[in-house]
Amino acid sequence: MNLTPHGPTRRPLRTVLVALLGALVPMLAATLLTAPTAAAADTRAGAAPRAALTEITGFGANPSDLRMYLYVPDSVTTNPAIVVAVHYCTGSGPAMYNGTEYASLADRYGFIVVYPSVTRSSKCFDVASPQALRRGGGSDPVGIKSMVDWTVRTYDADTDRIFATGISSGAMMTNVLLGDYPDVFAAGAAFSGVPFACFATTNGSEWNSDCANGTVSRTPQAWGDLVRGAYPGYTGPRPRMQLWHGTEDDVLRYPNFGEEIKQWTNVHGVSQTPAATDSPQSGWTRTRYGGTGDRAPVEAVSLQGVGHNLYAWGMAERVLTFFGLNSSGPAPEPPAGPCKVSVTTNAWSTGLTASVTITNTGTTAVNGWKLGFTLPSGQTITNGWGATYSPASGAVTATNVAYNAAIAPGAGVSVGYQANHSGNSAAPSAYTLNGTVCTAG
């Protein structure tokens, strides 16, 4: 088994430009420093390094030659949950890691993230072939199921808390995974997708224009039968589904949103009439079916005037609310030992520099660190040294670079950043090191 830490560090999603069939998609506009992330050791046999994106090979049956990337946080819980985060066309597992906040949320809540990665030239997932649309039939779903099984075995993960989410092609694969493996996934969240089997083809093509254009319409029963036909004879519980779509989507057009609602309400045997309707954010309409709470069987969010590239920072937290991963569950493992942070700032009319010294005041070495702090309102980091900083404002995580990953007991490292400000040039008031509150001094 080959475990290779992957180099890029996470950066915030500024705009996810999701495209299909060969469009070039720049995921990020961030220009902050990047460097490989150091990782703590894990004593479990075969386990990946912690706090680093790691490629896993030899994970099991993989008929379509997918690649598997894994993120295990320092705070991974006992019997952790698993989130499978599936990329868009032309994307990759590392791009999904860099362009979404699931890994930083894993740091907070202790779950594991699996990032499948396509190797075929289009970098689109197979959601169209007959093999992909039945349980154990072959192609990409089998490989992704193997990734989940490997993670469950290696980390003794909670098989009742396995989830899938994806963008565009990844959203379509989320629908497929929940249809093929209802006994594996507890819930899914699909951003700009289409119903299960809507993209079905028999001629080897990856593209279905009728579905993409929103002209495929079926009865709820017919859509539900397609899902049920993927695993004939299955009578157990079905995964809950959260759906997101923009009204101006010109790639996978908006009628697909209504068809997905038909499908998953039928699968769950609930009414197509919403049990609750609200607007959690301006321009959003959220409908819930079969229940009114955060974990209704089906939840659908329509974004008025928004196109295909709808995924934005903050949406993943709403996904975790639907999954139930940000409110309850096993407590994280104890964090690293005590620490002290001292800061010196030098400010001028619209900017500042901050020099930060992190001291390990504990009795054991720190091997790989993340310094957490919240910038005062109006401050935005424009440059940094000694660490990578993400995001550039608000609640920031500074992650070690290769040369300063280890901090011996009693020793310290110095890092810093430059920032713009709109009047408040103060230093952050509190810091955490690998989740432990540090003494300020």
Protein backbone atom coordinates (compact mmCIF):
# COMPACT_ATOMS: atom_id res chain seq x y z
CA MET A 1 0.00 0.00 0.00
CA ASN A 2 1.36 3.40 -0.97
CA LEU A 3 0.44 6.42 1.15
CA THR A 4 1.70 9.61 -0.46
CA PRO A 5 0.95 12.98 1.18
CA HIS A 6 -0.36 15.35 -1.47
CA GLY A 7 1.19 18.78 -1.61
CA PRO A 8 -1.45 21.54 -2.09
CA THR A 9 -2.97 23.13 0.99
CA ARG A 10 -6.60 24.13 1.23
CA ARG A 11 -7.62 27.56 0.14
CA PRO A 12 -11.09 29.15 0.33
CA LEU A 13 -13.46 28.82 -2.56
CA ARG A 14 -13.80 32.22 -4.20
CA THR A 15 -15.80 30.95 -7.18
CA VAL A 16 -16.26 27.40 -8.29
CA LEU A 17 -16.52 27.59 -12.08
CA VAL A 18 -18.09 24.24 -12.77
CA ALA A 19 -18.06 23.14 -16.42
CA LEU A 20 -18.76 19.98 -18.32
CA LEU A 21 -16.87 18.13 -21.06
CA GLY A 22 -13.54 19.78 -21.30
CA ALA A 23 -14.16 23.39 -20.17
CA LEU A 24 -11.20 24.75 -18.26
CA VAL A 25 -12.21 25.61 -14.71
CA PRO A 26 -10.02 27.80 -12.52
CA MET A 27 -11.11 26.89 -9.04
CA LEU A 28 -9.45 29.64 -7.01
CA ALA A 29 -8.28 33.21 -7.29
CA ALA A 30 -6.36 33.12 -4.01
CA THR A 31 -2.69 34.01 -4.18
CA LEU A 32 -1.64 33.25 -0.61
CA LEU A 33 1.45 31.18 -0.02
CA THR A 34 1.04 27.42 -0.34
CA ALA A 35 3.20 24.59 0.94
CA PRO A 36 2.88 20.89 1.75
CA THR A 37 1.06 20.16 4.97
CA ALA A 38 2.91 18.21 7.61
CA ALA A 39 0.99 15.38 9.18
CA ALA A 40 0.89 13.63 12.50
CA ALA A 41 1.42 9.91 12.74
CA ASP A 42 -1.51 7.55 13.21
CA THR A 43 -0.94 4.30 15.05
CA ARG A 44 -3.68 2.39 13.20
CA ALA A 45 -2.37 -0.18 10.75
CA GLY A 46 -2.47 1.17 7.21
CA ALA A 47 -3.73 4.59 8.30
CA ALA A 48 -2.90 7.75 6.38
CA PRO A 49 -1.02 10.68 7.90
CA ARG A 50 -3.31 13.11 9.67
CA ALA A 51 -4.05 16.69 8.60
CA ALA A 52 -2.72 16.08 5.08
CA LEU A 53 -4.36 15.22 1.80
CA THR A 54 -3.07 11.71 1.10
CA GLU A 55 -3.45 9.49 -1.93
CA ILE A 56 -4.43 5.91 -1.11
CA THR A 57 -3.69 3.12 -3.56
CA GLY A 58 -4.73 -0.52 -3.51
CA PHE A 59 -8.01 0.30 -1.76
CA GLY A 60 -10.04 -2.44 -3.46
CA ALA A 61 -12.10 -3.13 -6.58
CA ASN A 62 -11.66 -0.19 -8.95
CA PRO A 63 -12.86 -1.08 -12.45
CA SER A 64 -12.60 2.47 -13.87
CA ASP A 65 -9.17 3.34 -12.44
CA LEU A 66 -10.30 6.10 -10.08
CA ARG A 67 -7.79 7.65 -7.69
CA MET A 68 -8.56 7.99 -4.00
CA TYR A 69 -7.54 10.93 -1.84
CA LEU A 70 -8.18 11.02 1.89
CA TYR A 71 -8.22 13.71 4.57
CA VAL A 72 -8.08 12.62 8.21
CA PRO A 73 -8.05 15.51 10.70
CA ASP A 74 -5.95 15.65 13.82
CA SER A 75 -9.25 15.75 15.73
CA VAL A 76 -10.67 12.59 14.13
CA THR A 77 -13.24 11.05 16.44
CA THR A 78 -13.57 7.49 17.59
CA ASN A 79 -15.80 5.69 15.05
CA PRO A 80 -15.78 8.73 12.76
CA ALA A 81 -18.32 9.70 10.14
CA ILE A 82 -17.26 9.72 6.47
CA VAL A 83 -18.10 12.39 3.88
CA VAL A 84 -17.44 11.50 0.23
CA ALA A 85 -16.87 14.78 -1.67
CA VAL A 86 -17.21 14.26 -5.43
CA HIS A 87 -15.72 16.71 -7.93
CA TYR A 88 -17.16 18.39 -11.04
CA CYS A 89 -16.15 17.69 -14.67
CA THR A 90 -12.54 18.68 -15.46
CA GLY A 91 -11.86 18.61 -11.72
CA SER A 92 -10.03 16.23 -9.42
CA GLY A 93 -9.95 15.08 -5.83
CA PRO A 94 -7.23 17.60 -4.92
CA ALA A 95 -9.20 20.40 -6.62
CA MET A 96 -12.26 19.50 -4.56
CA TYR A 97 -10.08 19.51 -1.44
CA ASN A 98 -8.66 22.93 -2.28
CA GLY A 99 -11.93 24.45 -3.47
CA THR A 100 -14.35 23.45 -0.72
CA GLU A 101 -14.27 23.73 3.05
CA TYR A 102 -15.03 20.09 3.92
CA ALA A 103 -11.49 19.45 5.17
CA SER A 104 -11.51 22.52 7.44
CA LEU A 105 -14.93 21.45 8.72
CA ALA A 106 -13.50 17.98 9.33
CA ASP A 107 -10.88 19.68 11.52
CA ARG A 108 -13.73 21.15 13.54
CA TYR A 109 -16.08 18.17 13.74
CA GLY A 110 -13.77 15.15 13.52
CA PHE A 111 -15.10 13.32 10.44
CA ILE A 112 -13.04 11.89 7.53
CA VAL A 113 -13.30 13.15 3.95
CA VAL A 114 -12.85 10.89 0.90
CA TYR A 115 -12.14 12.65 -2.41
CA PRO A 116 -12.60 10.35 -5.45
CA SER A 117 -10.74 11.50 -8.57
CA VAL A 118 -11.46 10.59 -12.20
CA THR A 119 -8.64 9.62 -14.56
CA ARG A 120 -10.57 9.50 -17.87
CA SER A 121 -9.85 12.45 -20.17
CA SER A 122 -13.10 14.34 -19.53
CA LYS A 123 -12.59 14.16 -15.77
CA CYS A 124 -16.36 13.52 -15.57
CA PHE A 125 -17.84 10.73 -13.49
CA ASP A 126 -19.71 7.92 -15.22
CA VAL A 127 -23.37 8.50 -14.37
CA ALA A 128 -24.69 7.26 -17.70
CA SER A 129 -23.62 3.66 -18.42
CA PRO A 130 -25.76 0.65 -17.53
CA GLN A 131 -22.88 -0.56 -15.34
CA ALA A 132 -22.94 2.62 -13.26
CA LEU A 133 -26.68 2.54 -12.71
CA ARG A 134 -26.97 -0.71 -10.82
CA ARG A 135 -25.54 -1.88 -7.54
CA GLY A 136 -22.21 -3.64 -8.06
CA GLY A 137 -22.50 -3.20 -11.80
CA GLY A 138 -19.05 -1.78 -12.29
CA SER A 139 -17.53 1.56 -13.28
CA ASP A 140 -17.12 4.51 -10.90
CA PRO A 141 -19.68 3.66 -8.20
CA VAL A 142 -17.90 0.37 -7.46
CA GLY A 143 -14.58 2.17 -7.04
CA ILE A 144 -16.11 4.78 -4.73
CA LYS A 145 -17.79 2.05 -2.68
CA SER A 146 -14.34 0.42 -2.32
CA MET A 147 -12.93 3.71 -1.03
CA VAL A 148 -15.66 3.85 1.59
CA ASP A 149 -15.08 0.22 2.59
CA TRP A 150 -11.32 0.82 2.94
CA THR A 151 -11.94 3.84 5.16
CA VAL A 152 -14.46 1.98 7.31
CA ARG A 153 -12.01 -0.89 7.84
CA THR A 154 -9.01 1.28 8.51
CA TYR A 155 -10.64 3.77 10.89
CA ASP A 156 -13.49 1.68 12.31
CA ALA A 157 -15.82 4.33 10.90
CA ASP A 158 -19.49 4.54 11.83
CA THR A 159 -21.38 2.78 9.05
CA ASP A 160 -24.55 4.66 10.03
CA ARG A 161 -22.87 7.98 9.25
CA ILE A 162 -21.58 7.76 5.69
CA PHE A 163 -22.55 10.63 3.39
CA ALA A 164 -21.99 11.85 -0.18
CA THR A 165 -21.94 15.32 -1.67
CA GLY A 166 -20.88 16.66 -5.03
CA ILE A 167 -20.92 19.50 -7.54
CA SER A 168 -22.26 19.16 -11.11
CA SER A 169 -20.89 15.80 -12.32
CA GLY A 170 -20.27 15.08 -8.63
CA ALA A 171 -23.88 15.98 -7.87
CA MET A 172 -25.04 13.52 -10.51
CA MET A 173 -22.77 10.90 -8.95
CA THR A 174 -24.25 11.70 -5.53
CA ASN A 175 -27.67 10.79 -6.94
CA VAL A 176 -26.19 7.60 -8.42
CA LEU A 177 -24.44 6.55 -5.21
CA LEU A 178 -27.59 6.99 -3.16
CA GLY A 179 -29.53 4.96 -5.71
CA ASP A 180 -26.99 2.15 -6.07
CA TYR A 181 -26.03 1.89 -2.39
CA PRO A 182 -28.97 2.89 -0.17
CA ASP A 183 -27.62 0.57 2.51
CA VAL A 184 -24.29 2.43 2.59
CA PHE A 185 -25.15 6.14 2.47
CA ALA A 186 -27.26 7.84 5.13
CA ALA A 187 -27.78 11.06 3.15
CA GLY A 188 -26.51 13.08 0.22
CA ALA A 189 -26.27 16.69 -0.93
CA ALA A 190 -26.27 17.43 -4.67
CA PHE A 191 -25.28 20.85 -6.06
CA SER A 192 -26.48 21.42 -9.66
CA GLY A 193 -27.27 17.81 -10.52
CA VAL A 194 -29.89 15.68 -12.27
CA PRO A 195 -32.03 12.74 -11.11
CA PHE A 196 -30.70 9.21 -10.85
CA ALA A 197 -30.61 7.64 -14.36
CA CYS A 198 -31.59 10.87 -16.13
CA PHE A 199 -28.23 10.82 -17.92
CA ALA A 200 -28.55 7.14 -18.87
CA THR A 201 -27.12 6.18 -22.27
CA THR A 202 -26.41 2.85 -23.95
CA ASN A 203 -24.00 3.98 -26.69
CA GLY A 204 -20.98 4.69 -24.52
CA SER A 205 -21.54 8.43 -24.50
CA GLU A 206 -20.98 10.34 -21.27
CA TRP A 207 -23.41 13.09 -22.29
CA ASN A 208 -27.19 13.14 -22.51
CA SER A 209 -28.38 16.39 -24.10
CA ASP A 210 -32.07 15.77 -23.40
CA CYS A 211 -31.41 15.44 -19.70
CA ALA A 212 -28.94 18.32 -19.58
CA ASN A 213 -31.44 20.59 -21.33
CA GLY A 214 -34.16 19.72 -18.85
CA THR A 215 -36.47 18.05 -21.35
CA VAL A 216 -36.62 14.65 -19.62
CA SER A 217 -39.76 14.57 -17.49
CA ARG A 218 -41.23 11.53 -15.79
CA THR A 219 -43.86 10.85 -13.19
CA PRO A 220 -42.69 10.61 -9.58
CA GLN A 221 -43.45 6.88 -9.68
CA ALA A 222 -41.33 6.36 -12.82
CA TRP A 223 -38.41 8.27 -11.33
CA GLY A 224 -38.71 6.34 -8.08
CA ASP A 225 -38.83 3.04 -9.93
CA LEU A 226 -35.48 3.83 -11.57
CA VAL A 227 -33.89 4.24 -8.13
CA ARG A 228 -35.55 1.10 -6.77
CA GLY A 229 -34.44 -0.84 -9.85
CA ALA A 230 -30.78 -0.18 -9.09
CA TYR A 231 -30.97 -2.55 -6.11
CA PRO A 232 -33.90 -4.91 -6.70
CA GLY A 233 -35.40 -6.41 -3.58
CA TYR A 234 -33.96 -3.83 -1.19
CA THR A 235 -36.53 -2.91 1.45
CA GLY A 236 -34.42 -1.01 3.99
CA PRO A 237 -34.32 2.71 4.72
CA ARG A 238 -33.46 5.14 1.96
CA PRO A 239 -30.87 7.94 2.20
CA ARG A 240 -32.15 11.45 2.79
CA MET A 241 -31.40 13.93 0.00
CA GLN A 242 -30.58 17.63 -0.05
CA LEU A 243 -30.82 19.30 -3.48
CA TRP A 244 -29.42 22.67 -4.63
CA HIS A 245 -30.06 24.35 -7.99
CA GLY A 246 -29.88 27.80 -9.58
CA THR A 247 -32.82 29.04 -11.64
CA GLU A 248 -30.48 30.27 -14.41
CA ASP A 249 -28.43 27.07 -14.73
CA ASP A 250 -27.49 26.85 -18.42
CA VAL A 251 -25.53 23.59 -18.20
CA LEU A 252 -27.87 21.26 -16.31
CA ARG A 253 -31.05 23.27 -16.64
CA TYR A 254 -33.39 24.13 -13.81
CA PRO A 255 -36.22 21.68 -14.67
CA ASN A 256 -33.89 18.93 -13.45
CA PHE A 257 -34.33 20.33 -9.94
CA GLY A 258 -38.06 19.63 -10.00
CA GLU A 259 -37.47 16.18 -11.44
CA GLU A 260 -35.05 15.37 -8.61
CA ILE A 261 -37.67 16.47 -6.09
CA LYS A 262 -40.22 14.18 -7.76
CA GLN A 263 -37.78 11.28 -7.62
CA TRP A 264 -36.63 11.50 -4.04
CA THR A 265 -40.03 12.32 -2.54
CA ASN A 266 -41.36 9.23 -4.29
CA VAL A 267 -38.45 7.11 -3.10
CA HIS A 268 -39.25 8.20 0.46
CA GLY A 269 -43.00 7.84 0.01
CA VAL A 270 -43.70 11.44 1.07
CA SER A 271 -45.86 14.15 -0.43
CA GLN A 272 -44.59 16.46 -3.17
CA THR A 273 -46.29 19.28 -1.26
CA PRO A 274 -43.69 20.90 0.98
CA ALA A 275 -44.12 20.40 4.71
CA ALA A 276 -42.21 23.67 5.23
CA THR A 277 -41.07 26.55 3.04
CA ASP A 278 -38.72 29.35 4.06
CA SER A 279 -35.96 31.64 2.78
CA PRO A 280 -32.77 31.10 4.80
CA GLN A 281 -30.95 33.70 2.69
CA SER A 282 -32.01 36.43 0.27
CA GLY A 283 -32.90 34.91 -3.09
CA TRP A 284 -33.12 31.38 -1.69
CA THR A 285 -36.27 29.31 -1.40
CA ARG A 286 -35.96 26.22 0.76
CA THR A 287 -38.63 23.54 0.73
CA ARG A 288 -38.73 20.49 2.96
CA TYR A 289 -40.68 17.33 2.26
CA GLY A 290 -41.85 14.69 4.69
CA GLY A 291 -40.67 16.75 7.68
CA THR A 292 -40.07 20.32 8.79
CA GLY A 293 -36.73 20.07 10.60
CA ASP A 294 -33.10 20.18 9.54
CA ARG A 295 -33.11 16.46 8.71
CA ALA A 296 -36.25 16.13 6.63
CA PRO A 297 -36.28 13.21 4.17
CA VAL A 298 -35.89 15.65 1.26
CA GLU A 299 -34.69 19.26 1.38
CA ALA A 300 -34.48 21.43 -1.73
CA VAL A 301 -32.87 24.87 -2.05
CA SER A 302 -33.62 26.99 -5.13
CA LEU A 303 -31.33 29.98 -5.80
CA GLN A 304 -33.05 32.73 -7.77
CA GLY A 305 -31.04 34.18 -10.65
CA VAL A 306 -28.04 31.93 -10.00
CA GLY A 307 -26.37 29.88 -12.74
CA HIS A 308 -24.64 26.53 -12.79
CA ASN A 309 -21.71 27.67 -10.65
CA LEU A 310 -23.74 28.05 -7.49
CA TYR A 311 -21.51 26.47 -4.85
CA ALA A 312 -20.20 29.12 -2.44
CA TRP A 313 -18.37 29.30 0.85
CA GLY A 314 -20.66 28.53 3.77
CA MET A 315 -22.91 26.08 1.96
CA ALA A 316 -20.95 23.09 3.27
CA GLU A 317 -21.90 24.03 6.83
CA ARG A 318 -25.55 23.79 5.75
CA VAL A 319 -24.78 20.39 4.24
CA LEU A 320 -23.37 19.23 7.57
CA THR A 321 -26.50 20.49 9.33
CA PHE A 322 -28.58 18.33 7.00
CA PHE A 323 -26.24 15.39 7.58
CA GLY A 324 -26.32 15.97 11.35
CA LEU A 325 -22.55 16.25 11.63
CA ASN A 326 -22.22 19.71 13.17
CA SER A 327 -24.51 19.34 16.16
CA SER A 328 -23.98 15.97 17.79
CA GLY A 329 -21.88 12.85 17.71
CA PRO A 330 -18.74 11.51 19.41
CA ALA A 331 -16.44 14.11 20.93
CA PRO A 332 -13.11 14.71 19.18
CA GLU A 333 -9.98 13.13 20.56
CA PRO A 334 -8.03 15.29 23.03
CA PRO A 335 -6.10 18.02 21.19
CA ALA A 336 -2.40 18.82 21.41
CA GLY A 337 -0.71 20.13 24.55
CA PRO A 338 -0.58 23.71 25.90
CA CYS A 339 0.78 26.68 23.97
CA LYS A 340 1.52 30.37 24.14
CA VAL A 341 1.12 32.97 21.37
CA SER A 342 2.63 36.46 21.36
CA VAL A 343 1.92 39.01 18.64
CA THR A 344 3.52 42.29 17.62
CA THR A 345 1.71 44.50 15.08
CA ASN A 346 2.89 47.45 13.02
CA ALA A 347 0.02 49.42 11.50
CA TRP A 348 -0.40 52.32 9.08
CA SER A 349 -3.45 54.05 7.59
CA THR A 350 -4.91 51.11 5.65
CA GLY A 351 -2.60 48.20 6.41
CA LEU A 352 -0.61 46.32 9.01
CA THR A 353 1.91 43.59 9.58
CA ALA A 354 1.70 41.07 12.40
CA SER A 355 4.61 39.01 13.74
CA VAL A 356 3.36 35.93 15.59
CA THR A 357 5.45 33.67 17.85
CA ILE A 358 4.01 30.27 18.75
CA THR A 359 5.59 28.55 21.76
CA ASN A 360 5.03 24.93 22.75
CA THR A 361 4.66 25.11 26.54
CA GLY A 362 3.83 21.42 26.82
CA THR A 363 6.06 18.42 27.50
CA THR A 364 5.68 16.65 24.16
CA ALA A 365 6.70 17.75 20.68
CA VAL A 366 4.16 19.19 18.25
CA ASN A 367 4.55 17.56 14.84
CA GLY A 368 2.37 19.44 12.39
CA TRP A 369 0.32 22.42 13.58
CA LYS A 370 -2.66 24.60 12.73
CA LEU A 371 -3.03 27.97 14.45
CA GLY A 372 -6.60 29.23 14.59
CA PHE A 373 -7.62 32.85 15.15
CA THR A 374 -10.30 35.34 14.08
CA LEU A 375 -9.28 38.59 12.41
CA PRO A 376 -11.08 41.75 13.55
CA SER A 377 -13.80 42.96 11.18
CA GLY A 378 -12.41 44.79 8.16
CA GLN A 379 -9.05 43.01 8.10
CA THR A 380 -8.01 40.87 5.11
CA ILE A 381 -4.70 39.05 4.81
CA THR A 382 -2.83 39.94 1.60
CA ASN A 383 0.42 38.07 2.17
CA GLY A 384 1.92 35.68 4.69
CA TRP A 385 5.16 33.99 5.65
CA GLY A 386 6.05 30.94 7.72
CA ALA A 387 2.58 29.44 7.24
CA THR A 388 -0.31 29.21 4.81
CA TYR A 389 -3.39 31.26 5.73
CA SER A 390 -6.94 30.27 4.82
CA PRO A 391 -9.35 31.98 4.42
CA ALA A 392 -8.03 35.54 4.12
CA SER A 393 -10.54 37.05 6.55
CA GLY A 394 -12.81 36.05 9.39
CA ALA A 395 -11.91 32.78 11.13
CA VAL A 396 -8.42 32.01 9.78
CA THR A 397 -6.31 28.86 10.02
CA ALA A 398 -2.55 29.23 9.66
CA THR A 399 -0.94 25.89 8.73
CA ASN A 400 2.75 25.10 9.11
CA VAL A 401 5.08 24.92 6.15
CA ALA A 402 7.53 22.08 5.65
CA TYR A 403 10.49 23.56 7.53
CA ASN A 404 8.67 24.52 10.75
CA ALA A 405 6.24 21.64 11.25
CA ALA A 406 7.90 20.40 14.45
CA ILE A 407 7.91 22.45 17.66
CA ALA A 408 9.90 20.86 20.48
CA PRO A 409 8.81 21.35 24.12
CA GLY A 410 9.78 24.84 25.20
CA ALA A 411 10.61 25.89 21.65
CA GLY A 412 8.76 28.24 19.35
CA VAL A 413 8.32 29.26 15.73
CA SER A 414 7.77 32.72 14.28
CA VAL A 415 5.35 33.44 11.45
CA GLY A 416 3.54 36.51 10.22
CA TYR A 417 1.24 38.17 7.77
CA GLN A 418 0.39 41.45 6.11
CA ALA A 419 -3.20 42.62 6.03
CA ASN A 420 -5.41 45.47 4.90
CA HIS A 421 -7.75 47.05 7.43
CA SER A 422 -10.64 49.50 7.38
CA GLY A 423 -9.87 51.21 10.68
CA ASN A 424 -9.38 48.42 13.21
CA SER A 425 -5.71 47.40 13.21
CA ALA A 426 -5.81 45.34 16.42
CA ALA A 427 -4.35 41.85 16.68
CA PRO A 428 -6.69 38.87 17.17
CA SER A 429 -7.65 38.41 20.80
CA ALA A 430 -7.48 34.60 21.02
CA TYR A 431 -5.62 31.71 19.41
CA THR A 432 -5.83 27.91 19.30
CA LEU A 433 -3.10 25.44 18.37
CA ASN A 434 -4.46 22.18 16.95
CA GLY A 435 -7.71 22.99 18.75
CA THR A 436 -6.17 23.85 22.14
CA VAL A 437 -6.71 27.36 23.45
CA CYS A 438 -3.34 29.11 23.79
CA THR A 439 -2.23 31.60 26.43
CA ALA A 440 -1.79 35.07 24.95
CA GLY A 441 1.26 36.94 26.06
